Amino acid sequence: MSGGTDKKVQVKAAKMAKLAILDVIGLVSNIKVGNSIDVPKNKKLAIA
């Protein structure tokens, strides 16, 4: 039992980490581009 659940937890954690990293990258790029244009923020809202 422990082997199967451990793997599921690891996969879930990896997915969460990927999402968190993507969020950070998105925030950084939004700040960089947002200084000149506000379009990326609107796109992100539309996607979400």
Protein backbone atom coordinates (compact mmCIF):
# COMPACT_ATOMS: atom_id res chain seq x y z
CA MET A 1 0.00 0.00 0.00
CA SER A 2 2.72 2.48 0.95
CA GLY A 3 4.46 2.10 -2.42
CA GLY A 4 1.37 3.00 -4.46
CA THR A 5 0.26 5.92 -2.32
CA ASP A 6 3.81 7.29 -2.07
CA LYS A 7 4.05 7.44 -5.85
CA LYS A 8 0.66 9.19 -6.11
CA VAL A 9 1.73 11.74 -3.50
CA GLN A 10 5.02 12.33 -5.33
CA VAL A 11 3.20 12.86 -8.65
CA LYS A 12 0.75 15.25 -6.99
CA ALA A 13 3.60 17.17 -5.34
CA ALA A 14 5.47 17.36 -8.64
CA LYS A 15 2.39 18.75 -10.40
CA MET A 16 1.87 21.32 -7.62
CA ALA A 17 5.53 22.35 -7.82
CA LYS A 18 5.28 22.74 -11.60
CA LEU A 19 2.18 24.91 -11.24
CA ALA A 20 3.86 27.02 -8.55
CA ILE A 21 6.95 27.52 -10.74
CA LEU A 22 4.77 28.47 -13.73
CA ASP A 23 2.86 30.94 -11.52
CA VAL A 24 6.12 32.57 -10.39
CA ILE A 25 7.40 32.77 -13.98
CA GLY A 26 4.06 34.25 -15.06
CA LEU A 27 4.14 36.84 -12.28
CA VAL A 28 7.72 37.86 -13.11
CA SER A 29 6.99 38.16 -16.84
CA ASN A 30 3.78 40.07 -16.06
CA ILE A 31 5.74 42.56 -13.93
CA LYS A 32 8.45 42.96 -16.60
CA VAL A 33 5.99 43.41 -19.47
CA GLY A 34 3.31 45.07 -17.33
CA ASN A 35 5.54 48.11 -16.87
CA SER A 36 4.99 48.95 -20.55
CA ILE A 37 1.83 47.01 -21.49
CA ASP A 38 -1.06 45.61 -19.43
CA VAL A 39 -2.15 43.05 -22.05
CA PRO A 40 -0.49 39.98 -20.42
CA LYS A 41 -2.51 40.50 -17.23
CA ASN A 42 -5.74 40.57 -19.23
CA LYS A 43 -4.72 37.41 -21.09
CA LYS A 44 -3.97 35.61 -17.82
CA LEU A 45 -7.39 36.59 -16.44
CA ALA A 46 -9.08 35.37 -19.62
CA ILE A 47 -7.28 32.01 -19.37
CA ALA A 48 -8.15 31.63 -15.69
